[in-house]
Amino acid sequence: MFYGRSSIDEQFKIALDKIVSNHIVYDYSKVIALNNYEAKQLINAGVPKQKIVIVPNGVNLSNYNNLPPKGALKKK
């Protein structure tokens, strides 16, 4: 989630999340995370665990069974 950010940026975001998230999610009944990693980030930011629901992105993997050979797109 912090790709390309400096550690100072990352620390600032974590601190801001801890300060702001408690106020933002106070009235929410649920907060959606895409996976366990994101859920842990929300917990670390102060979101109560009981408010977090994991709902992964829906992707039909069978749509990607017949991909072109590796390098074909680059060659084209």
N, C-alpha and C. Protein backbone atom coordinates (compact mmCIF):
# COMPACT_ATOMS: atom_id res chain seq x y z
N MET A 1 0.81 -1.19 0.00
CA MET A 1 0.00 0.00 0.00
C MET A 1 0.86 1.26 0.00
N PHE A 2 2.06 1.19 0.45
CA PHE A 2 2.91 2.36 0.54
C PHE A 2 4.01 2.35 -0.50
N TYR A 3 3.78 1.72 -1.64
CA TYR A 3 4.82 1.62 -2.65
C TYR A 3 5.24 3.01 -3.11
N GLY A 4 6.55 3.24 -3.17
CA GLY A 4 7.07 4.50 -3.67
C GLY A 4 7.05 5.63 -2.67
N ARG A 5 6.65 5.39 -1.45
CA ARG A 5 6.63 6.44 -0.45
C ARG A 5 7.85 6.33 0.45
N SER A 6 8.28 7.45 0.95
CA SER A 6 9.38 7.44 1.91
C SER A 6 8.85 6.99 3.26
N SER A 7 9.76 6.61 4.15
CA SER A 7 9.33 6.17 5.47
C SER A 7 8.66 7.31 6.23
N ILE A 8 9.06 8.56 5.96
CA ILE A 8 8.42 9.70 6.63
C ILE A 8 6.98 9.82 6.15
N ASP A 9 6.76 9.66 4.85
CA ASP A 9 5.39 9.69 4.31
C ASP A 9 4.55 8.58 4.93
N GLU A 10 5.15 7.40 5.02
CA GLU A 10 4.44 6.26 5.58
C GLU A 10 4.09 6.51 7.04
N GLN A 11 5.02 7.03 7.80
CA GLN A 11 4.78 7.31 9.23
C GLN A 11 3.71 8.39 9.39
N PHE A 12 3.74 9.40 8.52
CA PHE A 12 2.73 10.45 8.56
C PHE A 12 1.35 9.87 8.27
N LYS A 13 1.26 9.01 7.26
CA LYS A 13 -0.03 8.42 6.91
C LYS A 13 -0.55 7.55 8.05
N ILE A 14 0.31 6.78 8.67
CA ILE A 14 -0.12 5.93 9.79
C ILE A 14 -0.64 6.80 10.93
N ALA A 15 0.09 7.87 11.26
CA ALA A 15 -0.34 8.76 12.34
C ALA A 15 -1.67 9.43 11.99
N LEU A 16 -1.79 9.91 10.76
CA LEU A 16 -3.03 10.56 10.32
C LEU A 16 -4.20 9.57 10.36
N ASP A 17 -3.96 8.34 9.89
CA ASP A 17 -5.00 7.32 9.93
C ASP A 17 -5.48 7.08 11.36
N LYS A 18 -4.55 7.02 12.30
CA LYS A 18 -4.92 6.76 13.70
C LYS A 18 -5.73 7.91 14.28
N ILE A 19 -5.39 9.12 13.90
CA ILE A 19 -6.11 10.29 14.42
C ILE A 19 -7.49 10.43 13.77
N VAL A 20 -7.53 10.32 12.45
CA VAL A 20 -8.74 10.59 11.71
C VAL A 20 -9.70 9.41 11.68
N SER A 21 -9.18 8.21 11.53
CA SER A 21 -10.05 7.05 11.32
C SER A 21 -11.01 6.82 12.47
N ASN A 22 -10.58 7.07 13.69
CA ASN A 22 -11.47 6.87 14.83
C ASN A 22 -12.70 7.77 14.72
N HIS A 23 -12.50 8.99 14.26
CA HIS A 23 -13.63 9.91 14.12
C HIS A 23 -14.49 9.57 12.91
N ILE A 24 -13.86 9.13 11.84
CA ILE A 24 -14.60 8.82 10.62
C ILE A 24 -15.46 7.57 10.80
N VAL A 25 -14.92 6.52 11.38
CA VAL A 25 -15.63 5.25 11.46
C VAL A 25 -16.46 5.10 12.72
N TYR A 26 -16.49 6.11 13.56
CA TYR A 26 -17.23 6.03 14.82
C TYR A 26 -18.68 5.63 14.60
N ASP A 27 -19.34 6.25 13.62
CA ASP A 27 -20.76 5.97 13.37
C ASP A 27 -20.99 4.85 12.36
N TYR A 28 -19.94 4.36 11.72
CA TYR A 28 -20.09 3.29 10.73
C TYR A 28 -20.40 1.98 11.43
N SER A 29 -21.29 1.20 10.82
CA SER A 29 -21.56 -0.12 11.39
C SER A 29 -20.54 -1.13 10.91
N LYS A 30 -20.01 -0.96 9.69
CA LYS A 30 -19.01 -1.86 9.12
C LYS A 30 -18.02 -1.09 8.26
N VAL A 31 -16.80 -1.61 8.18
CA VAL A 31 -15.76 -1.07 7.30
C VAL A 31 -15.27 -2.23 6.45
N ILE A 32 -15.21 -2.04 5.15
CA ILE A 32 -14.83 -3.12 4.23
C ILE A 32 -13.33 -3.11 3.99
N ALA A 33 -12.73 -4.30 4.11
CA ALA A 33 -11.33 -4.53 3.75
C ALA A 33 -11.32 -5.55 2.63
N LEU A 34 -10.35 -5.44 1.73
CA LEU A 34 -10.29 -6.38 0.60
C LEU A 34 -9.64 -7.70 0.98
N ASN A 35 -8.79 -7.68 2.02
CA ASN A 35 -8.06 -8.89 2.41
C ASN A 35 -7.59 -8.76 3.85
N ASN A 36 -6.94 -9.81 4.37
CA ASN A 36 -6.46 -9.80 5.75
C ASN A 36 -5.41 -8.72 5.99
N TYR A 37 -4.56 -8.48 5.00
CA TYR A 37 -3.53 -7.46 5.13
C TYR A 37 -4.17 -6.09 5.35
N GLU A 38 -5.16 -5.78 4.54
CA GLU A 38 -5.84 -4.50 4.67
C GLU A 38 -6.60 -4.42 6.00
N ALA A 39 -7.19 -5.53 6.43
CA ALA A 39 -7.89 -5.56 7.72
C ALA A 39 -6.92 -5.25 8.86
N LYS A 40 -5.71 -5.82 8.79
CA LYS A 40 -4.70 -5.54 9.82
C LYS A 40 -4.31 -4.07 9.82
N GLN A 41 -4.21 -3.47 8.63
CA GLN A 41 -3.90 -2.04 8.54
C GLN A 41 -5.01 -1.21 9.18
N LEU A 42 -6.25 -1.59 8.95
CA LEU A 42 -7.37 -0.87 9.55
C LEU A 42 -7.35 -0.99 11.07
N ILE A 43 -7.06 -2.19 11.56
CA ILE A 43 -6.97 -2.41 13.01
C ILE A 43 -5.85 -1.55 13.58
N ASN A 44 -4.69 -1.54 12.91
CA ASN A 44 -3.57 -0.72 13.36
C ASN A 44 -3.91 0.77 13.34
N ALA A 45 -4.83 1.16 12.46
CA ALA A 45 -5.24 2.56 12.37
C ALA A 45 -6.31 2.91 13.40
N GLY A 46 -6.75 1.90 14.17
CA GLY A 46 -7.70 2.16 15.24
C GLY A 46 -9.12 1.74 14.96
N VAL A 47 -9.38 1.10 13.83
CA VAL A 47 -10.73 0.63 13.53
C VAL A 47 -10.97 -0.63 14.37
N PRO A 48 -12.08 -0.67 15.13
CA PRO A 48 -12.36 -1.87 15.92
C PRO A 48 -12.53 -3.10 15.04
N LYS A 49 -11.93 -4.19 15.46
CA LYS A 49 -11.94 -5.44 14.67
C LYS A 49 -13.37 -5.88 14.34
N GLN A 50 -14.29 -5.70 15.28
CA GLN A 50 -15.66 -6.16 15.06
C GLN A 50 -16.39 -5.37 13.98
N LYS A 51 -15.86 -4.22 13.59
CA LYS A 51 -16.48 -3.43 12.51
C LYS A 51 -15.94 -3.80 11.13
N ILE A 52 -14.89 -4.61 11.06
CA ILE A 52 -14.24 -4.91 9.79
C ILE A 52 -14.84 -6.17 9.17
N VAL A 53 -15.20 -6.05 7.90
CA VAL A 53 -15.70 -7.18 7.12
C VAL A 53 -14.81 -7.31 5.89
N ILE A 54 -14.32 -8.52 5.63
CA ILE A 54 -13.47 -8.74 4.45
C ILE A 54 -14.36 -9.14 3.27
N VAL A 55 -14.31 -8.31 2.22
CA VAL A 55 -15.05 -8.57 0.99
C VAL A 55 -14.04 -8.44 -0.16
N PRO A 56 -13.51 -9.57 -0.63
CA PRO A 56 -12.51 -9.50 -1.70
C PRO A 56 -13.13 -9.02 -3.01
N ASN A 57 -12.28 -8.44 -3.86
CA ASN A 57 -12.73 -8.04 -5.19
C ASN A 57 -13.19 -9.28 -5.95
N GLY A 58 -14.26 -9.13 -6.68
CA GLY A 58 -14.77 -10.25 -7.45
C GLY A 58 -14.12 -10.31 -8.82
N VAL A 59 -13.38 -11.37 -9.08
CA VAL A 59 -12.73 -11.56 -10.38
C VAL A 59 -12.97 -12.99 -10.82
N ASN A 60 -13.52 -13.17 -12.01
CA ASN A 60 -13.75 -14.49 -12.55
C ASN A 60 -12.45 -14.95 -13.21
N LEU A 61 -11.69 -15.80 -12.52
CA LEU A 61 -10.38 -16.23 -13.01
C LEU A 61 -10.45 -17.03 -14.30
N SER A 62 -11.59 -17.64 -14.58
CA SER A 62 -11.71 -18.41 -15.82
C SER A 62 -11.61 -17.51 -17.05
N ASN A 63 -11.85 -16.21 -16.89
CA ASN A 63 -11.68 -15.27 -18.01
C ASN A 63 -10.23 -15.16 -18.44
N TYR A 64 -9.33 -15.62 -17.62
CA TYR A 64 -7.89 -15.48 -17.88
C TYR A 64 -7.19 -16.82 -18.10
N ASN A 65 -7.94 -17.85 -18.43
CA ASN A 65 -7.36 -19.18 -18.68
C ASN A 65 -6.56 -19.23 -19.97
N ASN A 66 -6.98 -18.52 -21.00
CA ASN A 66 -6.35 -18.59 -22.32
C ASN A 66 -5.64 -17.27 -22.65
N LEU A 67 -4.63 -16.97 -21.90
CA LEU A 67 -3.86 -15.76 -22.16
C LEU A 67 -2.84 -15.99 -23.27
N PRO A 68 -2.45 -14.92 -23.96
CA PRO A 68 -1.41 -15.08 -24.97
C PRO A 68 -0.09 -15.48 -24.33
N PRO A 69 0.81 -16.08 -25.10
CA PRO A 69 2.09 -16.49 -24.52
C PRO A 69 2.86 -15.28 -23.96
N LYS A 70 3.67 -15.55 -22.96
CA LYS A 70 4.46 -14.50 -22.34
C LYS A 70 5.32 -13.80 -23.39
N GLY A 71 5.28 -12.48 -23.38
CA GLY A 71 6.07 -11.69 -24.31
C GLY A 71 5.34 -11.33 -25.59
N ALA A 72 4.19 -11.93 -25.85
CA ALA A 72 3.45 -11.69 -27.10
C ALA A 72 2.99 -10.23 -27.19
N LEU A 73 2.50 -9.69 -26.11
CA LEU A 73 2.04 -8.31 -26.12
C LEU A 73 3.19 -7.34 -26.34
N LYS A 74 4.29 -7.62 -25.68
CA LYS A 74 5.48 -6.76 -25.83
C LYS A 74 5.99 -6.82 -27.26
N LYS A 75 5.96 -8.00 -27.86
CA LYS A 75 6.44 -8.18 -29.23
C LYS A 75 5.54 -7.45 -30.21
N LYS A 76 4.23 -7.47 -29.94
CA LYS A 76 3.25 -6.84 -30.82
C LYS A 76 3.42 -5.32 -30.78
